[in-house]
Amino acid sequence: MKTDQTFTITFTKQNGESTTRKAKWTDKCREYVAQAGHNVLTFLDLDATELAGKDQYRNATDKITAWSIK
């Protein structure tokens, strides 16, 4: 992804709940494989950032289901 690109991500939380967030790719974001072997995507959560008033980064994993980016 390109820096400052915005997108919508849908993923399943560890409690099984599906969630959709508005997100932004920054220089602090990354995609990697965790030591346990699952994929992880770190992104800037724009919804949470708006509520908190400061940058809120989140991780989406593919432990339960793969994430979807639009």
N, C-alpha and C. Protein backbone atom coordinates (compact mmCIF):
# COMPACT_ATOMS: atom_id res chain seq x y z
N MET A 1 0.83 -1.19 0.00
CA MET A 1 0.00 0.00 0.00
C MET A 1 0.87 1.24 0.00
N LYS A 2 0.28 2.32 -0.41
CA LYS A 2 1.00 3.58 -0.45
C LYS A 2 0.74 4.37 0.83
N THR A 3 1.74 5.12 1.27
CA THR A 3 1.60 5.96 2.45
C THR A 3 0.46 6.94 2.26
N ASP A 4 -0.33 7.12 3.31
CA ASP A 4 -1.49 8.02 3.36
C ASP A 4 -2.70 7.50 2.58
N GLN A 5 -2.65 6.27 2.11
CA GLN A 5 -3.80 5.67 1.44
C GLN A 5 -4.83 5.27 2.48
N THR A 6 -6.10 5.62 2.26
CA THR A 6 -7.17 5.23 3.17
C THR A 6 -7.91 4.03 2.57
N PHE A 7 -8.48 3.23 3.46
CA PHE A 7 -9.17 2.02 3.04
C PHE A 7 -10.12 1.57 4.14
N THR A 8 -10.95 0.60 3.84
CA THR A 8 -11.84 -0.02 4.82
C THR A 8 -11.38 -1.45 5.00
N ILE A 9 -11.22 -1.86 6.25
CA ILE A 9 -10.78 -3.22 6.54
C ILE A 9 -11.83 -3.93 7.38
N THR A 10 -12.12 -5.16 7.02
CA THR A 10 -13.04 -6.01 7.77
C THR A 10 -12.26 -7.23 8.22
N PHE A 11 -12.36 -7.54 9.51
CA PHE A 11 -11.65 -8.69 10.06
C PHE A 11 -12.43 -9.26 11.23
N THR A 12 -12.06 -10.45 11.67
CA THR A 12 -12.72 -11.10 12.79
C THR A 12 -11.85 -10.97 14.03
N LYS A 13 -12.43 -10.43 15.09
CA LYS A 13 -11.70 -10.31 16.35
C LYS A 13 -11.54 -11.70 16.97
N GLN A 14 -10.67 -11.80 17.96
CA GLN A 14 -10.43 -13.09 18.60
C GLN A 14 -11.66 -13.64 19.30
N ASN A 15 -12.61 -12.77 19.66
CA ASN A 15 -13.85 -13.25 20.29
C ASN A 15 -14.87 -13.73 19.26
N GLY A 16 -14.49 -13.72 17.97
CA GLY A 16 -15.37 -14.19 16.91
C GLY A 16 -16.24 -13.12 16.28
N GLU A 17 -16.18 -11.91 16.80
CA GLU A 17 -16.98 -10.80 16.30
C GLU A 17 -16.33 -10.19 15.05
N SER A 18 -17.11 -10.02 14.00
CA SER A 18 -16.62 -9.38 12.78
C SER A 18 -16.71 -7.87 12.96
N THR A 19 -15.68 -7.16 12.52
CA THR A 19 -15.65 -5.71 12.66
C THR A 19 -15.12 -5.07 11.39
N THR A 20 -15.62 -3.88 11.09
CA THR A 20 -15.18 -3.11 9.93
C THR A 20 -14.71 -1.75 10.43
N ARG A 21 -13.55 -1.33 9.96
CA ARG A 21 -12.95 -0.06 10.39
C ARG A 21 -12.50 0.76 9.19
N LYS A 22 -12.58 2.09 9.34
CA LYS A 22 -11.95 2.99 8.39
C LYS A 22 -10.49 3.07 8.82
N ALA A 23 -9.58 2.95 7.86
CA ALA A 23 -8.16 2.87 8.20
C ALA A 23 -7.31 3.70 7.25
N LYS A 24 -6.06 3.89 7.66
CA LYS A 24 -5.10 4.63 6.85
C LYS A 24 -3.75 3.95 6.97
N TRP A 25 -3.04 3.87 5.85
CA TRP A 25 -1.70 3.29 5.84
C TRP A 25 -0.69 4.41 6.08
N THR A 26 0.15 4.26 7.09
CA THR A 26 1.19 5.24 7.40
C THR A 26 2.55 4.56 7.43
N ASP A 27 3.59 5.33 7.72
CA ASP A 27 4.93 4.75 7.78
C ASP A 27 5.10 3.81 8.98
N LYS A 28 4.16 3.83 9.93
CA LYS A 28 4.21 2.93 11.09
C LYS A 28 3.45 1.63 10.84
N CYS A 29 2.74 1.53 9.73
CA CYS A 29 1.96 0.34 9.42
C CYS A 29 2.85 -0.72 8.79
N ARG A 30 2.43 -1.97 8.96
CA ARG A 30 3.20 -3.05 8.34
C ARG A 30 2.38 -4.33 8.29
N GLU A 31 2.82 -5.22 7.43
CA GLU A 31 2.22 -6.56 7.34
C GLU A 31 3.36 -7.54 7.60
N TYR A 32 3.12 -8.52 8.48
CA TYR A 32 4.17 -9.46 8.83
C TYR A 32 3.57 -10.79 9.28
N VAL A 33 4.42 -11.78 9.45
CA VAL A 33 4.01 -13.08 9.94
C VAL A 33 4.45 -13.18 11.40
N ALA A 34 3.49 -13.43 12.30
CA ALA A 34 3.77 -13.56 13.72
C ALA A 34 4.55 -14.84 14.00
N GLN A 35 5.19 -14.91 15.15
CA GLN A 35 5.94 -16.11 15.52
C GLN A 35 5.06 -17.34 15.52
N ALA A 36 3.77 -17.18 15.82
CA ALA A 36 2.83 -18.31 15.85
C ALA A 36 2.45 -18.76 14.44
N GLY A 37 2.86 -18.00 13.41
CA GLY A 37 2.63 -18.42 12.04
C GLY A 37 1.48 -17.76 11.31
N HIS A 38 0.70 -16.90 11.96
CA HIS A 38 -0.41 -16.24 11.28
C HIS A 38 0.00 -14.86 10.78
N ASN A 39 -0.70 -14.36 9.76
CA ASN A 39 -0.42 -13.04 9.20
C ASN A 39 -1.03 -11.95 10.09
N VAL A 40 -0.31 -10.84 10.18
CA VAL A 40 -0.77 -9.70 10.98
C VAL A 40 -0.63 -8.43 10.14
N LEU A 41 -1.63 -7.57 10.21
CA LEU A 41 -1.61 -6.28 9.54
C LEU A 41 -1.80 -5.20 10.59
N THR A 42 -0.82 -4.31 10.72
CA THR A 42 -0.93 -3.17 11.64
C THR A 42 -1.38 -1.97 10.82
N PHE A 43 -2.46 -1.29 11.27
CA PHE A 43 -3.02 -0.16 10.53
C PHE A 43 -3.44 0.94 11.50
N LEU A 44 -3.57 2.16 10.98
CA LEU A 44 -4.07 3.29 11.75
C LEU A 44 -5.59 3.25 11.69
N ASP A 45 -6.23 3.08 12.82
CA ASP A 45 -7.70 3.02 12.91
C ASP A 45 -8.24 4.44 12.97
N LEU A 46 -8.83 4.91 11.90
CA LEU A 46 -9.33 6.28 11.83
C LEU A 46 -10.54 6.50 12.74
N ASP A 47 -11.39 5.48 12.91
CA ASP A 47 -12.55 5.60 13.80
C ASP A 47 -12.09 5.82 15.24
N ALA A 48 -11.17 4.99 15.71
CA ALA A 48 -10.68 5.10 17.09
C ALA A 48 -9.85 6.36 17.29
N THR A 49 -9.10 6.77 16.27
CA THR A 49 -8.30 7.99 16.35
C THR A 49 -9.19 9.20 16.55
N GLU A 50 -10.31 9.22 15.85
CA GLU A 50 -11.26 10.34 15.98
C GLU A 50 -11.82 10.41 17.39
N LEU A 51 -12.14 9.27 17.98
CA LEU A 51 -12.69 9.24 19.33
C LEU A 51 -11.66 9.59 20.40
N ALA A 52 -10.44 9.10 20.24
CA ALA A 52 -9.40 9.29 21.25
C ALA A 52 -8.66 10.61 21.10
N GLY A 53 -8.68 11.18 19.91
CA GLY A 53 -7.98 12.44 19.70
C GLY A 53 -6.49 12.27 19.44
N LYS A 54 -6.00 11.03 19.34
CA LYS A 54 -4.61 10.76 18.98
C LYS A 54 -4.56 9.45 18.21
N ASP A 55 -3.46 9.22 17.53
CA ASP A 55 -3.34 8.03 16.66
C ASP A 55 -3.58 6.74 17.43
N GLN A 56 -4.43 5.88 16.86
CA GLN A 56 -4.76 4.59 17.45
C GLN A 56 -4.47 3.50 16.41
N TYR A 57 -3.43 2.75 16.66
CA TYR A 57 -3.05 1.67 15.74
C TYR A 57 -3.66 0.37 16.22
N ARG A 58 -4.05 -0.48 15.26
CA ARG A 58 -4.68 -1.76 15.56
C ARG A 58 -4.01 -2.85 14.73
N ASN A 59 -4.16 -4.08 15.19
CA ASN A 59 -3.69 -5.25 14.45
C ASN A 59 -4.87 -6.09 14.01
N ALA A 60 -4.85 -6.49 12.76
CA ALA A 60 -5.81 -7.47 12.25
C ALA A 60 -5.00 -8.74 11.97
N THR A 61 -5.56 -9.89 12.33
CA THR A 61 -4.87 -11.15 12.05
C THR A 61 -5.77 -12.05 11.22
N ASP A 62 -5.16 -13.07 10.67
CA ASP A 62 -5.95 -14.05 9.92
C ASP A 62 -6.08 -15.36 10.71
N LYS A 63 -6.03 -15.26 12.04
CA LYS A 63 -6.16 -16.45 12.89
C LYS A 63 -7.50 -17.15 12.68
N ILE A 64 -8.57 -16.39 12.59
CA ILE A 64 -9.91 -16.96 12.46
C ILE A 64 -10.36 -16.92 11.00
N THR A 65 -10.36 -15.75 10.41
CA THR A 65 -10.67 -15.59 8.98
C THR A 65 -9.72 -14.53 8.41
N ALA A 66 -9.52 -14.58 7.12
CA ALA A 66 -8.66 -13.58 6.46
C ALA A 66 -9.35 -12.22 6.49
N TRP A 67 -8.57 -11.16 6.57
CA TRP A 67 -9.14 -9.81 6.53
C TRP A 67 -9.48 -9.46 5.09
N SER A 68 -10.34 -8.46 4.93
CA SER A 68 -10.76 -7.99 3.61
C SER A 68 -10.53 -6.49 3.56
N ILE A 69 -9.86 -6.02 2.51
CA ILE A 69 -9.57 -4.59 2.36
C ILE A 69 -10.27 -4.09 1.11
N LYS A 70 -10.98 -2.96 1.26
CA LYS A 70 -11.66 -2.33 0.13
C LYS A 70 -11.29 -0.87 0.07
